[in-house]
PDB file of N, CA and C in Angstrom:
ATOM      1  N   MET A   1      -1.217  76.625 -77.801  1.00  0.00           N
ATOM      2  CA  MET A   1      -1.498  76.889 -76.232  1.00  0.00           C
ATOM      3  C   MET A   1       0.133  76.796 -75.467  1.00  0.00           C
ATOM      4  N   LYS A   2       0.139  77.184 -73.884  1.00  0.00           N
ATOM      5  CA  LYS A   2       1.093  77.716 -73.557  1.00  0.00           C
ATOM      6  C   LYS A   2       2.285  76.279 -73.065  1.00  0.00           C
ATOM      7  N   ALA A   3       3.411  76.431 -73.840  1.00  0.00           N
ATOM      8  CA  ALA A   3       4.377  74.950 -72.807  1.00  0.00           C
ATOM      9  C   ALA A   3       4.478  75.124 -71.517  1.00  0.00           C
ATOM     10  N   ALA A   4       4.794  74.274 -70.826  1.00  0.00           N
ATOM     11  CA  ALA A   4       4.761  74.054 -69.175  1.00  0.00           C
ATOM     12  C   ALA A   4       6.675  74.279 -69.252  1.00  0.00           C
ATOM     13  N   ILE A   5       6.657  75.041 -68.004  1.00  0.00           N
ATOM     14  CA  ILE A   5       8.021  75.407 -67.901  1.00  0.00           C
ATOM     15  C   ILE A   5       8.290  74.254 -66.573  1.00  0.00           C
ATOM     16  N   LYS A   6       9.284  73.932 -67.792  1.00  0.00           N
ATOM     17  CA  LYS A   6      10.321  72.133 -66.859  1.00  0.00           C
ATOM     18  C   LYS A   6      11.272  72.571 -66.391  1.00  0.00           C
ATOM     19  N   GLU A   7      11.755  73.982 -66.634  1.00  0.00           N
ATOM     20  CA  GLU A   7      13.611  74.336 -65.674  1.00  0.00           C
ATOM     21  C   GLU A   7      13.624  74.783 -65.185  1.00  0.00           C
ATOM     22  N   ILE A   8      14.424  75.904 -64.123  1.00  0.00           N
ATOM     23  CA  ILE A   8      14.381  77.180 -63.512  1.00  0.00           C
ATOM     24  C   ILE A   8      16.131  76.913 -63.210  1.00  0.00           C
ATOM     25  N   PHE A   9      16.373  78.398 -63.622  1.00  0.00           N
ATOM     26  CA  PHE A   9      17.701  78.336 -63.726  1.00  0.00           C
ATOM     27  C   PHE A   9      17.842  79.276 -62.227  1.00  0.00           C
ATOM     28  N   VAL A  10      18.940  78.024 -61.474  1.00  0.00           N
ATOM     29  CA  VAL A  10      19.438  78.477 -59.883  1.00  0.00           C
ATOM     30  C   VAL A  10      20.276  79.208 -60.330  1.00  0.00           C
ATOM     31  N   GLN A  11      20.108  80.350 -59.937  1.00  0.00           N
ATOM     32  CA  GLN A  11      21.525  81.190 -59.538  1.00  0.00           C
ATOM     33  C   GLN A  11      22.768  81.695 -58.789  1.00  0.00           C
ATOM     34  N   HIS A  12      23.206  81.855 -58.044  1.00  0.00           N
ATOM     35  CA  HIS A  12      24.757  82.278 -56.914  1.00  0.00           C
ATOM     36  C   HIS A  12      25.712  83.470 -57.628  1.00  0.00           C
ATOM     37  N   TRP A  13      25.604  84.270 -56.442  1.00  0.00           N
ATOM     38  CA  TRP A  13      27.122  84.931 -56.245  1.00  0.00           C
ATOM     39  C   TRP A  13      27.662  84.315 -55.235  1.00  0.00           C
ATOM     40  N   CYS A  14      28.959  84.621 -56.149  1.00  0.00           N
ATOM     41  CA  CYS A  14      30.377  83.473 -55.293  1.00  0.00           C
ATOM     42  C   CYS A  14      30.596  84.589 -54.199  1.00  0.00           C
ATOM     43  N   LYS A  15      30.251  83.996 -53.020  1.00  0.00           N
ATOM     44  CA  LYS A  15      31.401  85.235 -51.941  1.00  0.00           C
ATOM     45  C   LYS A  15      33.025  85.277 -51.817  1.00  0.00           C
ATOM     46  N   SER A  16      33.862  84.685 -52.616  1.00  0.00           N
ATOM     47  CA  SER A  16      34.278  84.954 -52.549  1.00  0.00           C
ATOM     48  C   SER A  16      34.806  85.531 -53.652  1.00  0.00           C
ATOM     49  N   CYS A  17      34.509  85.554 -54.919  1.00  0.00           N
ATOM     50  CA  CYS A  17      34.711  86.088 -56.139  1.00  0.00           C
ATOM     51  C   CYS A  17      34.007  87.213 -56.526  1.00  0.00           C
ATOM     52  N   ASP A  18      32.681  87.000 -56.367  1.00  0.00           N
ATOM     53  CA  ASP A  18      31.710  88.122 -56.626  1.00  0.00           C
ATOM     54  C   ASP A  18      30.891  87.601 -58.004  1.00  0.00           C
ATOM     55  N   ARG A  19      31.727  86.262 -58.642  1.00  0.00           N
ATOM     56  CA  ARG A  19      31.306  86.290 -59.937  1.00  0.00           C
ATOM     57  C   ARG A  19      29.959  84.987 -59.617  1.00  0.00           C
ATOM     58  N   SER A  20      28.704  85.586 -60.758  1.00  0.00           N
ATOM     59  CA  SER A  20      27.782  84.874 -60.570  1.00  0.00           C
ATOM     60  C   SER A  20      28.120  83.851 -61.516  1.00  0.00           C
ATOM     61  N   PHE A  21      27.436  82.217 -61.172  1.00  0.00           N
ATOM     62  CA  PHE A  21      27.321  81.163 -61.565  1.00  0.00           C
ATOM     63  C   PHE A  21      25.637  80.363 -60.964  1.00  0.00           C
ATOM     64  N   GLY A  22      25.808  79.251 -61.729  1.00  0.00           N
ATOM     65  CA  GLY A  22      24.381  78.346 -61.274  1.00  0.00           C
ATOM     66  C   GLY A  22      24.058  77.800 -62.695  1.00  0.00           C
ATOM     67  N   THR A  23      22.520  76.855 -62.408  1.00  0.00           N
ATOM     68  CA  THR A  23      22.880  75.513 -63.755  1.00  0.00           C
ATOM     69  C   THR A  23      21.225  75.498 -63.631  1.00  0.00           C
ATOM     70  N   LEU A  24      20.470  75.237 -65.101  1.00  0.00           N
ATOM     71  CA  LEU A  24      18.572  74.559 -64.452  1.00  0.00           C
ATOM     72  C   LEU A  24      19.516  73.651 -64.220  1.00  0.00           C
ATOM     73  N   VAL A  25      17.557  73.074 -63.701  1.00  0.00           N
ATOM     74  CA  VAL A  25      17.263  72.810 -62.380  1.00  0.00           C
ATOM     75  C   VAL A  25      15.953  72.206 -63.172  1.00  0.00           C
ATOM     76  N   ASN A  26      15.660  70.636 -62.940  1.00  0.00           N
ATOM     77  CA  ASN A  26      14.390  70.581 -63.451  1.00  0.00           C
ATOM     78  C   ASN A  26      13.192  70.824 -62.330  1.00  0.00           C
ATOM     79  N   ILE A  27      11.888  71.468 -63.149  1.00  0.00           N
ATOM     80  CA  ILE A  27      11.331  72.389 -61.800  1.00  0.00           C
ATOM     81  C   ILE A  27      10.270  71.265 -60.724  1.00  0.00           C
ATOM     82  N   PHE A  28      10.239  70.459 -61.043  1.00  0.00           N
ATOM     83  CA  PHE A  28       9.763  69.386 -60.496  1.00  0.00           C
ATOM     84  C   PHE A  28      10.647  68.843 -59.277  1.00  0.00           C
ATOM     85  N   LYS A  29      11.652  68.592 -60.222  1.00  0.00           N
ATOM     86  CA  LYS A  29      12.596  68.016 -58.817  1.00  0.00           C
ATOM     87  C   LYS A  29      13.040  68.887 -58.334  1.00  0.00           C
ATOM     88  N   TYR A  30      13.356  70.437 -58.187  1.00  0.00           N
ATOM     89  CA  TYR A  30      13.776  71.336 -57.448  1.00  0.00           C
ATOM     90  C   TYR A  30      12.726  71.702 -56.580  1.00  0.00           C
ATOM     91  N   ASN A  31      11.672  71.205 -56.753  1.00  0.00           N
ATOM     92  CA  ASN A  31       9.919  71.817 -56.093  1.00  0.00           C
ATOM     93  C   ASN A  31      10.289  70.211 -54.924  1.00  0.00           C
ATOM     94  N   GLN A  32      10.235  69.186 -55.509  1.00  0.00           N
ATOM     95  CA  GLN A  32      10.595  67.900 -54.308  1.00  0.00           C
ATOM     96  C   GLN A  32      11.279  68.129 -53.328  1.00  0.00           C
ATOM     97  N   TYR A  33      12.842  68.398 -54.236  1.00  0.00           N
ATOM     98  CA  TYR A  33      13.965  69.417 -53.082  1.00  0.00           C
ATOM     99  C   TYR A  33      13.746  69.923 -51.709  1.00  0.00           C
ATOM    100  N   MET A  34      12.995  71.314 -52.595  1.00  0.00           N
ATOM    101  CA  MET A  34      12.918  72.265 -51.387  1.00  0.00           C
ATOM    102  C   MET A  34      11.493  72.326 -50.161  1.00  0.00           C
ATOM    103  N   LYS A  35      10.857  71.786 -50.781  1.00  0.00           N
ATOM    104  CA  LYS A  35       9.509  70.850 -49.565  1.00  0.00           C
ATOM    105  C   LYS A  35      10.617  70.911 -48.058  1.00  0.00           C
ATOM    106  N   GLY A  36      11.670  69.928 -48.537  1.00  0.00           N
ATOM    107  CA  GLY A  36      12.348  69.591 -47.539  1.00  0.00           C
ATOM    108  C   GLY A  36      12.048  68.465 -46.883  1.00  0.00           C
ATOM    109  N   ASP A  37      11.348  66.866 -47.579  1.00  0.00           N
ATOM    110  CA  ASP A  37      11.051  66.226 -46.886  1.00  0.00           C
ATOM    111  C   ASP A  37      11.922  65.249 -47.182  1.00  0.00           C
ATOM    112  N   LYS A  38      13.006  65.422 -48.771  1.00  0.00           N
ATOM    113  CA  LYS A  38      14.203  64.158 -49.216  1.00  0.00           C
ATOM    114  C   LYS A  38      15.402  65.042 -49.340  1.00  0.00           C
ATOM    115  N   SER A  39      16.524  64.407 -49.178  1.00  0.00           N
ATOM    116  CA  SER A  39      17.643  64.931 -49.246  1.00  0.00           C
ATOM    117  C   SER A  39      18.274  65.170 -50.499  1.00  0.00           C
ATOM    118  N   VAL A  40      19.572  66.498 -50.798  1.00  0.00           N
ATOM    119  CA  VAL A  40      19.758  66.159 -52.171  1.00  0.00           C
ATOM    120  C   VAL A  40      19.881  65.044 -52.916  1.00  0.00           C
ATOM    121  N   MET A  41      20.505  64.041 -52.351  1.00  0.00           N
ATOM    122  CA  MET A  41      20.641  62.476 -52.750  1.00  0.00           C
ATOM    123  C   MET A  41      19.460  62.182 -53.296  1.00  0.00           C
ATOM    124  N   ASP A  42      18.431  61.523 -52.452  1.00  0.00           N
ATOM    125  CA  ASP A  42      17.290  61.281 -52.782  1.00  0.00           C
ATOM    126  C   ASP A  42      16.984  61.606 -53.705  1.00  0.00           C
ATOM    127  N   VAL A  43      16.682  62.745 -54.522  1.00  0.00           N
ATOM    128  CA  VAL A  43      16.234  63.891 -55.617  1.00  0.00           C
ATOM    129  C   VAL A  43      16.717  63.817 -56.743  1.00  0.00           C
ATOM    130  N   PHE A  44      18.293  63.982 -56.344  1.00  0.00           N
ATOM    131  CA  PHE A  44      19.523  64.078 -58.054  1.00  0.00           C
ATOM    132  C   PHE A  44      20.437  63.141 -57.372  1.00  0.00           C
ATOM    133  N   PRO A  45      19.821  61.685 -57.436  1.00  0.00           N
ATOM    134  CA  PRO A  45      21.120  60.318 -57.121  1.00  0.00           C
ATOM    135  C   PRO A  45      22.081  60.626 -58.135  1.00  0.00           C
ATOM    136  N   ASP A  46      22.320  61.274 -59.425  1.00  0.00           N
ATOM    137  CA  ASP A  46      22.971  61.321 -60.438  1.00  0.00           C
ATOM    138  C   ASP A  46      23.433  62.323 -61.179  1.00  0.00           C
ATOM    139  N   GLU A  47      23.646  63.140 -60.260  1.00  0.00           N
ATOM    140  CA  GLU A  47      23.977  64.208 -61.120  1.00  0.00           C
ATOM    141  C   GLU A  47      24.871  65.255 -59.927  1.00  0.00           C
ATOM    142  N   PRO A  48      26.092  65.510 -60.555  1.00  0.00           N
ATOM    143  CA  PRO A  48      27.879  65.610 -60.434  1.00  0.00           C
ATOM    144  C   PRO A  48      27.080  66.329 -58.717  1.00  0.00           C
ATOM    145  N   ALA A  49      28.390  66.421 -57.703  1.00  0.00           N
ATOM    146  CA  ALA A  49      28.162  66.683 -55.880  1.00  0.00           C
ATOM    147  C   ALA A  49      28.073  68.755 -56.807  1.00  0.00           C
ATOM    148  N   PRO A  50      29.058  69.069 -57.130  1.00  0.00           N
ATOM    149  CA  PRO A  50      29.233  70.974 -57.303  1.00  0.00           C
ATOM    150  C   PRO A  50      27.431  71.018 -58.087  1.00  0.00           C
ATOM    151  N   PHE A  51      26.852  70.483 -58.849  1.00  0.00           N
ATOM    152  CA  PHE A  51      25.388  70.838 -59.444  1.00  0.00           C
ATOM    153  C   PHE A  51      24.911  70.901 -57.397  1.00  0.00           C
ATOM    154  N   ARG A  52      24.800  69.329 -57.132  1.00  0.00           N
ATOM    155  CA  ARG A  52      23.882  69.226 -55.745  1.00  0.00           C
ATOM    156  C   ARG A  52      23.949  70.076 -54.468  1.00  0.00           C
ATOM    157  N   GLU A  53      25.561  70.705 -54.607  1.00  0.00           N
ATOM    158  CA  GLU A  53      25.789  71.927 -53.306  1.00  0.00           C
ATOM    159  C   GLU A  53      25.045  73.797 -54.017  1.00  0.00           C
ATOM    160  N   ILE A  54      25.099  73.446 -54.975  1.00  0.00           N
ATOM    161  CA  ILE A  54      24.048  74.885 -56.376  1.00  0.00           C
ATOM    162  C   ILE A  54      22.375  74.467 -55.017  1.00  0.00           C
ATOM    163  N   LEU A  55      22.215  73.301 -55.433  1.00  0.00           N
ATOM    164  CA  LEU A  55      20.446  73.442 -54.528  1.00  0.00           C
ATOM    165  C   LEU A  55      20.939  73.370 -52.963  1.00  0.00           C
ATOM    166  N   ILE A  56      21.852  72.883 -52.512  1.00  0.00           N
ATOM    167  CA  ILE A  56      21.976  73.210 -51.071  1.00  0.00           C
ATOM    168  C   ILE A  56      21.933  74.464 -50.865  1.00  0.00           C
ATOM    169  N   GLN A  57      23.098  75.301 -51.400  1.00  0.00           N
ATOM    170  CA  GLN A  57      23.168  76.215 -51.054  1.00  0.00           C
ATOM    171  C   GLN A  57      21.690  77.277 -51.144  1.00  0.00           C
ATOM    172  N   ASP A  58      21.043  76.749 -52.269  1.00  0.00           N
ATOM    173  CA  ASP A  58      19.625  77.489 -52.132  1.00  0.00           C
ATOM    174  C   ASP A  58      18.441  76.875 -51.223  1.00  0.00           C
ATOM    175  N   TYR A  59      18.604  76.146 -51.356  1.00  0.00           N
ATOM    176  CA  TYR A  59      18.032  75.857 -50.096  1.00  0.00           C
ATOM    177  C   TYR A  59      18.126  76.360 -48.133  1.00  0.00           C
ATOM    178  N   ARG A  60      19.420  76.526 -48.665  1.00  0.00           N
ATOM    179  CA  ARG A  60      19.733  77.126 -47.481  1.00  0.00           C
ATOM    180  C   ARG A  60      19.690  78.764 -47.190  1.00  0.00           C
ATOM    181  N   ARG A  61      19.405  79.132 -48.615  1.00  0.00           N
ATOM    182  CA  ARG A  61      19.216  80.966 -48.827  1.00  0.00           C
ATOM    183  C   ARG A  61      17.819  80.842 -48.514  1.00  0.00           C
ATOM    184  N   ARG A  62      16.747  80.154 -48.563  1.00  0.00           N
ATOM    185  CA  ARG A  62      15.583  79.984 -48.849  1.00  0.00           C
ATOM    186  C   ARG A  62      15.161  79.679 -47.439  1.00  0.00           C
ATOM    187  N   ASN A  63      15.809  79.044 -46.242  1.00  0.00           N
ATOM    188  CA  ASN A  63      14.657  78.815 -45.082  1.00  0.00           C
ATOM    189  C   ASN A  63      16.369  78.455 -44.194  1.00  0.00           C
ATOM    190  N   GLY A  64      16.965  80.152 -44.549  1.00  0.00           N
ATOM    191  CA  GLY A  64      17.210  80.538 -43.125  1.00  0.00           C
ATOM    192  C   GLY A  64      18.798  79.510 -42.430  1.00  0.00           C
ATOM    193  N   GLY A  65      19.549  79.081 -42.997  1.00  0.00           N
ATOM    194  CA  GLY A  65      20.702  78.243 -42.704  1.00  0.00           C
ATOM    195  C   GLY A  65      21.851  79.199 -42.910  1.00  0.00           C
ATOM    196  N   ILE A  66      23.580  78.387 -43.057  1.00  0.00           N
ATOM    197  CA  ILE A  66      24.402  79.288 -43.357  1.00  0.00           C
ATOM    198  C   ILE A  66      24.680  79.169 -44.479  1.00  0.00           C
ATOM    199  N   TYR A  67      24.557  80.649 -45.283  1.00  0.00           N
ATOM    200  CA  TYR A  67      25.077  80.400 -47.019  1.00  0.00           C
ATOM    201  C   TYR A  67      26.066  81.392 -47.258  1.00  0.00           C
ATOM    202  N   TYR A  68      26.497  79.916 -48.235  1.00  0.00           N
ATOM    203  CA  TYR A  68      28.120  80.501 -48.392  1.00  0.00           C
ATOM    204  C   TYR A  68      28.142  80.125 -50.102  1.00  0.00           C
ATOM    205  N   PRO A  69      27.936  79.865 -50.449  1.00  0.00           N
ATOM    206  CA  PRO A  69      28.113  79.810 -52.345  1.00  0.00           C
ATOM    207  C   PRO A  69      29.325  80.346 -52.239  1.00  0.00           C
ATOM    208  N   MET A  70      29.812  79.414 -53.314  1.00  0.00           N
ATOM    209  CA  MET A  70      31.812  79.381 -53.823  1.00  0.00           C
ATOM    210  C   MET A  70      31.167  78.785 -54.940  1.00  0.00           C
ATOM    211  N   CYS A  71      31.497  79.621 -56.461  1.00  0.00           N
ATOM    212  CA  CYS A  71      32.257  79.328 -57.910  1.00  0.00           C
ATOM    213  C   CYS A  71      33.171  77.529 -57.295  1.00  0.00           C
ATOM    214  N   ASP A  72      32.735  76.951 -58.845  1.00  0.00           N
ATOM    215  CA  ASP A  72      33.965  76.004 -58.490  1.00  0.00           C
ATOM    216  C   ASP A  72      35.390  75.826 -58.475  1.00  0.00           C
ATOM    217  N   GLU A  73      35.787  77.691 -59.717  1.00  0.00           N
ATOM    218  CA  GLU A  73      37.306  77.660 -59.366  1.00  0.00           C
ATOM    219  C   GLU A  73      37.599  78.397 -57.977  1.00  0.00           C
ATOM    220  N   CYS A  74      36.682  79.168 -57.121  1.00  0.00           N
ATOM    221  CA  CYS A  74      36.619  79.516 -55.718  1.00  0.00           C
ATOM    222  C   CYS A  74      36.956  78.300 -54.633  1.00  0.00           C
ATOM    223  N   TRP A  75      35.969  77.494 -55.279  1.00  0.00           N
ATOM    224  CA  TRP A  75      36.499  76.168 -54.125  1.00  0.00           C
ATOM    225  C   TRP A  75      37.810  74.911 -54.675  1.00  0.00           C
ATOM    226  N   ASN A  76      38.078  75.008 -55.357  1.00  0.00           N
ATOM    227  CA  ASN A  76      38.911  74.230 -56.141  1.00  0.00           C
ATOM    228  C   ASN A  76      40.402  75.231 -55.668  1.00  0.00           C
ATOM    229  N   LYS A  77      40.433  75.873 -55.164  1.00  0.00           N
ATOM    230  CA  LYS A  77      42.142  77.121 -54.828  1.00  0.00           C
ATOM    231  C   LYS A  77      41.332  77.172 -53.417  1.00  0.00           C
ATOM    232  N   ILE A  78      40.798  76.772 -52.631  1.00  0.00           N
ATOM    233  CA  ILE A  78      40.381  76.026 -51.661  1.00  0.00           C
ATOM    234  C   ILE A  78      41.125  75.002 -51.293  1.00  0.00           C
ATOM    235  N   GLU A  79      40.803  73.832 -52.038  1.00  0.00           N
ATOM    236  CA  GLU A  79      41.330  72.536 -52.328  1.00  0.00           C
ATOM    237  C   GLU A  79      42.835  72.461 -52.215  1.00  0.00           C
ATOM    238  N   GLU A  80      43.498  72.870 -52.906  1.00  0.00           N
ATOM    239  CA  GLU A  80      44.767  73.258 -53.222  1.00  0.00           C
ATOM    240  C   GLU A  80      45.389  74.367 -52.381  1.00  0.00           C
ATOM    241  N   GLU A  81      45.172  74.648 -51.489  1.00  0.00           N
ATOM    242  CA  GLU A  81      45.891  75.682 -50.682  1.00  0.00           C
ATOM    243  C   GLU A  81      45.682  74.538 -49.064  1.00  0.00           C
ATOM    244  N   GLU A  82      45.262  73.469 -49.260  1.00  0.00           N
ATOM    245  CA  GLU A  82      45.050  72.314 -47.852  1.00  0.00           C
ATOM    246  C   GLU A  82      46.286  71.803 -47.970  1.00  0.00           C
TER     247      GLU A  82
END
C-alpha cells in the first residue's frame, strides 16, 4: 500500500538575491488555504510570520496578485535600512 502524501514543499526564488527558499507545509491545510475561503491566519494560526508569508506569496503567484517573494535575509536587510 502506498503512503499518502502529507506534506508539500512550497518554494520561491527571492526577487532581491535570486536565492531559493521555502518550507514544508501540511497538504490538507495548504489546500484549505489555497481555496481562498479562509485567511492564512485562520488556517495557520500557530505558525511564524515568515512561514505564512511564503504561503501568501504562493497564493498570489497562483491567483494573479502582486508577487514579490523575499528571503528572510533580504527582508531583514530592508528592515535594518528603515
